[in-house]
Amino acid sequence: MDSLKRKEYHLTPKDENIQSDVVLLNGTPLKLTKSKKIPKLKPKIVDASSSSIKVAPHSIVFVQINNFNAPACAPPTK
């Protein structure tokens, strides 16, 4: 994947109802397959150079940023 792109996985309740039995992944209902397995999780591809990460109320967002250099997360050097 292009280093200027990022993958976002937005989990939200259906109809913005936090008591909903249905969870949406990027706006699509997340359902088990016929064999009761977790389906393939399809991310939303976003241009990382021109947009910030937006988190809707009552949601959880997972973001994959390629080639991200975070010195604070690096192991200590001697």
N, C-alpha and C. Protein backbone atom coordinates (compact mmCIF):
# COMPACT_ATOMS: atom_id res chain seq x y z
N MET A 1 0.85 -1.19 0.00
CA MET A 1 0.00 0.00 0.00
C MET A 1 0.89 1.24 0.00
N ASP A 2 0.46 2.23 -0.69
CA ASP A 2 1.14 3.52 -0.80
C ASP A 2 1.35 4.13 0.60
N SER A 3 2.54 4.69 0.86
CA SER A 3 2.81 5.27 2.18
C SER A 3 2.00 6.53 2.44
N LEU A 4 1.39 7.10 1.41
CA LEU A 4 0.54 8.28 1.60
C LEU A 4 -0.91 7.90 1.87
N LYS A 5 -1.18 6.60 1.94
CA LYS A 5 -2.53 6.11 2.24
C LYS A 5 -2.52 5.45 3.61
N ARG A 6 -3.67 5.40 4.24
CA ARG A 6 -3.81 4.67 5.50
C ARG A 6 -5.10 3.86 5.45
N LYS A 7 -5.15 2.81 6.26
CA LYS A 7 -6.35 1.98 6.36
C LYS A 7 -7.08 2.34 7.64
N GLU A 8 -8.38 2.57 7.52
CA GLU A 8 -9.20 2.88 8.69
C GLU A 8 -10.33 1.86 8.81
N TYR A 9 -10.57 1.46 10.05
CA TYR A 9 -11.66 0.53 10.37
C TYR A 9 -12.53 1.23 11.40
N HIS A 10 -13.71 1.69 10.98
CA HIS A 10 -14.63 2.41 11.86
C HIS A 10 -15.74 1.47 12.31
N LEU A 11 -15.84 1.23 13.61
CA LEU A 11 -16.91 0.41 14.18
C LEU A 11 -17.92 1.34 14.84
N THR A 12 -19.17 1.26 14.38
CA THR A 12 -20.23 2.12 14.90
C THR A 12 -21.50 1.30 15.12
N PRO A 13 -22.36 1.74 16.02
CA PRO A 13 -23.64 1.04 16.19
C PRO A 13 -24.62 1.44 15.09
N LYS A 14 -25.47 0.52 14.69
CA LYS A 14 -26.48 0.81 13.66
C LYS A 14 -27.39 1.94 14.13
N ASP A 15 -27.70 2.85 13.25
CA ASP A 15 -28.59 3.99 13.52
C ASP A 15 -28.12 4.84 14.70
N GLU A 16 -26.81 4.80 14.97
CA GLU A 16 -26.22 5.57 16.07
C GLU A 16 -26.85 5.22 17.42
N ASN A 17 -27.43 4.03 17.52
CA ASN A 17 -28.09 3.57 18.75
C ASN A 17 -27.10 2.68 19.49
N ILE A 18 -26.57 3.15 20.61
CA ILE A 18 -25.55 2.38 21.31
C ILE A 18 -26.09 1.09 21.92
N GLN A 19 -27.40 0.90 21.91
CA GLN A 19 -27.99 -0.35 22.38
C GLN A 19 -28.31 -1.30 21.22
N SER A 20 -27.91 -0.94 20.02
CA SER A 20 -28.18 -1.76 18.84
C SER A 20 -27.44 -3.09 18.93
N ASP A 21 -28.05 -4.14 18.40
CA ASP A 21 -27.41 -5.46 18.31
C ASP A 21 -26.54 -5.56 17.07
N VAL A 22 -26.59 -4.53 16.21
CA VAL A 22 -25.85 -4.56 14.95
C VAL A 22 -24.69 -3.56 15.01
N VAL A 23 -23.50 -4.06 14.68
CA VAL A 23 -22.31 -3.22 14.61
C VAL A 23 -21.95 -3.04 13.14
N LEU A 24 -21.65 -1.81 12.75
CA LEU A 24 -21.27 -1.52 11.37
C LEU A 24 -19.76 -1.37 11.28
N LEU A 25 -19.18 -1.93 10.24
CA LEU A 25 -17.77 -1.72 9.93
C LEU A 25 -17.73 -0.84 8.69
N ASN A 26 -17.28 0.39 8.85
CA ASN A 26 -17.26 1.36 7.76
C ASN A 26 -18.61 1.47 7.07
N GLY A 27 -19.68 1.43 7.87
CA GLY A 27 -21.03 1.61 7.36
C GLY A 27 -21.74 0.35 6.91
N THR A 28 -21.06 -0.80 6.93
CA THR A 28 -21.65 -2.07 6.49
C THR A 28 -21.84 -2.99 7.70
N PRO A 29 -23.03 -3.60 7.84
CA PRO A 29 -23.25 -4.50 8.98
C PRO A 29 -22.20 -5.60 9.04
N LEU A 30 -21.68 -5.83 10.22
CA LEU A 30 -20.67 -6.86 10.44
C LEU A 30 -21.40 -8.12 10.89
N LYS A 31 -21.37 -9.16 10.05
CA LYS A 31 -22.09 -10.40 10.33
C LYS A 31 -21.16 -11.59 10.15
N LEU A 32 -21.41 -12.65 10.92
CA LEU A 32 -20.65 -13.88 10.74
C LEU A 32 -21.00 -14.49 9.39
N THR A 33 -20.06 -15.26 8.83
CA THR A 33 -20.34 -15.95 7.57
C THR A 33 -21.28 -17.11 7.85
N LYS A 34 -21.73 -17.78 6.81
CA LYS A 34 -22.62 -18.94 6.98
C LYS A 34 -21.98 -20.02 7.82
N SER A 35 -20.65 -20.12 7.78
CA SER A 35 -19.93 -21.13 8.57
C SER A 35 -19.54 -20.59 9.95
N LYS A 36 -20.15 -19.48 10.35
CA LYS A 36 -19.96 -18.86 11.67
C LYS A 36 -18.54 -18.34 11.90
N LYS A 37 -17.89 -17.90 10.83
CA LYS A 37 -16.55 -17.32 10.93
C LYS A 37 -16.64 -15.80 10.79
N ILE A 38 -15.61 -15.14 11.30
CA ILE A 38 -15.54 -13.69 11.16
C ILE A 38 -15.26 -13.36 9.70
N PRO A 39 -16.01 -12.44 9.10
CA PRO A 39 -15.78 -12.12 7.68
C PRO A 39 -14.49 -11.35 7.49
N LYS A 40 -14.06 -11.25 6.25
CA LYS A 40 -12.88 -10.45 5.94
C LYS A 40 -13.21 -8.99 6.27
N LEU A 41 -12.33 -8.35 7.00
CA LEU A 41 -12.54 -6.97 7.41
C LEU A 41 -11.96 -6.05 6.35
N LYS A 42 -12.82 -5.32 5.67
CA LYS A 42 -12.40 -4.45 4.58
C LYS A 42 -12.22 -3.02 5.09
N PRO A 43 -11.01 -2.48 4.99
CA PRO A 43 -10.76 -1.13 5.49
C PRO A 43 -11.24 -0.06 4.52
N LYS A 44 -11.35 1.13 5.05
CA LYS A 44 -11.57 2.32 4.24
C LYS A 44 -10.17 2.87 3.96
N ILE A 45 -9.81 3.06 2.69
CA ILE A 45 -8.50 3.58 2.32
C ILE A 45 -8.61 5.11 2.24
N VAL A 46 -7.73 5.79 2.96
CA VAL A 46 -7.81 7.24 3.07
C VAL A 46 -6.48 7.87 2.66
N ASP A 47 -6.54 9.01 2.01
CA ASP A 47 -5.34 9.77 1.66
C ASP A 47 -4.83 10.43 2.94
N ALA A 48 -3.74 9.90 3.48
CA ALA A 48 -3.22 10.37 4.77
C ALA A 48 -2.62 11.76 4.69
N SER A 49 -2.25 12.18 3.50
CA SER A 49 -1.60 13.49 3.39
C SER A 49 -2.57 14.66 3.43
N SER A 50 -3.85 14.40 3.23
CA SER A 50 -4.78 15.52 3.15
C SER A 50 -5.97 15.43 4.11
N SER A 51 -5.98 14.45 4.99
CA SER A 51 -7.13 14.36 5.90
C SER A 51 -6.70 13.87 7.27
N SER A 52 -7.37 14.39 8.27
CA SER A 52 -7.12 13.95 9.64
C SER A 52 -8.00 12.74 9.95
N ILE A 53 -7.70 12.06 11.04
CA ILE A 53 -8.51 10.91 11.46
C ILE A 53 -9.74 11.45 12.18
N LYS A 54 -10.89 11.08 11.70
CA LYS A 54 -12.15 11.55 12.29
C LYS A 54 -12.82 10.38 13.01
N VAL A 55 -13.24 10.62 14.25
CA VAL A 55 -13.88 9.59 15.06
C VAL A 55 -15.28 10.07 15.42
N ALA A 56 -16.28 9.34 14.96
CA ALA A 56 -17.67 9.71 15.24
C ALA A 56 -18.02 9.38 16.70
N PRO A 57 -19.01 10.08 17.26
CA PRO A 57 -19.45 9.74 18.62
C PRO A 57 -19.88 8.28 18.69
N HIS A 58 -19.66 7.65 19.82
CA HIS A 58 -20.07 6.26 20.08
C HIS A 58 -19.43 5.28 19.10
N SER A 59 -18.20 5.54 18.69
CA SER A 59 -17.55 4.65 17.74
C SER A 59 -16.14 4.29 18.22
N ILE A 60 -15.58 3.29 17.59
CA ILE A 60 -14.20 2.87 17.82
C ILE A 60 -13.53 2.86 16.46
N VAL A 61 -12.32 3.39 16.39
CA VAL A 61 -11.60 3.45 15.11
C VAL A 61 -10.22 2.82 15.30
N PHE A 62 -9.89 1.91 14.38
CA PHE A 62 -8.55 1.34 14.31
C PHE A 62 -7.93 1.88 13.02
N VAL A 63 -6.67 2.32 13.10
CA VAL A 63 -6.01 2.91 11.94
C VAL A 63 -4.66 2.23 11.74
N GLN A 64 -4.37 1.87 10.49
CA GLN A 64 -3.07 1.32 10.13
C GLN A 64 -2.34 2.36 9.30
N ILE A 65 -1.21 2.83 9.83
CA ILE A 65 -0.41 3.83 9.13
C ILE A 65 0.92 3.17 8.78
N ASN A 66 1.19 3.02 7.49
CA ASN A 66 2.43 2.39 7.05
C ASN A 66 3.60 3.35 7.17
N ASN A 67 4.77 2.78 7.45
CA ASN A 67 6.02 3.54 7.51
C ASN A 67 5.95 4.73 8.47
N PHE A 68 5.23 4.56 9.56
CA PHE A 68 5.11 5.62 10.56
C PHE A 68 6.27 5.52 11.53
N ASN A 69 7.00 6.60 11.71
CA ASN A 69 8.15 6.62 12.60
C ASN A 69 7.76 7.34 13.88
N ALA A 70 7.62 6.57 14.96
CA ALA A 70 7.26 7.14 16.26
C ALA A 70 8.40 6.89 17.24
N PRO A 71 9.32 7.84 17.38
CA PRO A 71 10.48 7.65 18.26
C PRO A 71 10.11 7.24 19.68
N ALA A 72 9.00 7.75 20.20
CA ALA A 72 8.59 7.43 21.57
C ALA A 72 8.23 5.95 21.73
N CYS A 73 7.92 5.27 20.63
CA CYS A 73 7.55 3.86 20.69
C CYS A 73 8.72 2.93 20.36
N ALA A 74 9.85 3.49 20.01
CA ALA A 74 11.02 2.69 19.64
C ALA A 74 11.69 2.15 20.90
N PRO A 75 12.34 0.98 20.79
CA PRO A 75 13.06 0.45 21.95
C PRO A 75 14.21 1.40 22.33
N PRO A 76 14.55 1.43 23.60
CA PRO A 76 15.62 2.33 24.03
C PRO A 76 16.95 1.94 23.37
N THR A 77 17.74 2.94 23.09
CA THR A 77 19.07 2.68 22.52
C THR A 77 20.10 2.81 23.64
N LYS A 78 21.21 2.12 23.46
CA LYS A 78 22.27 2.16 24.49
C LYS A 78 23.29 3.20 24.18
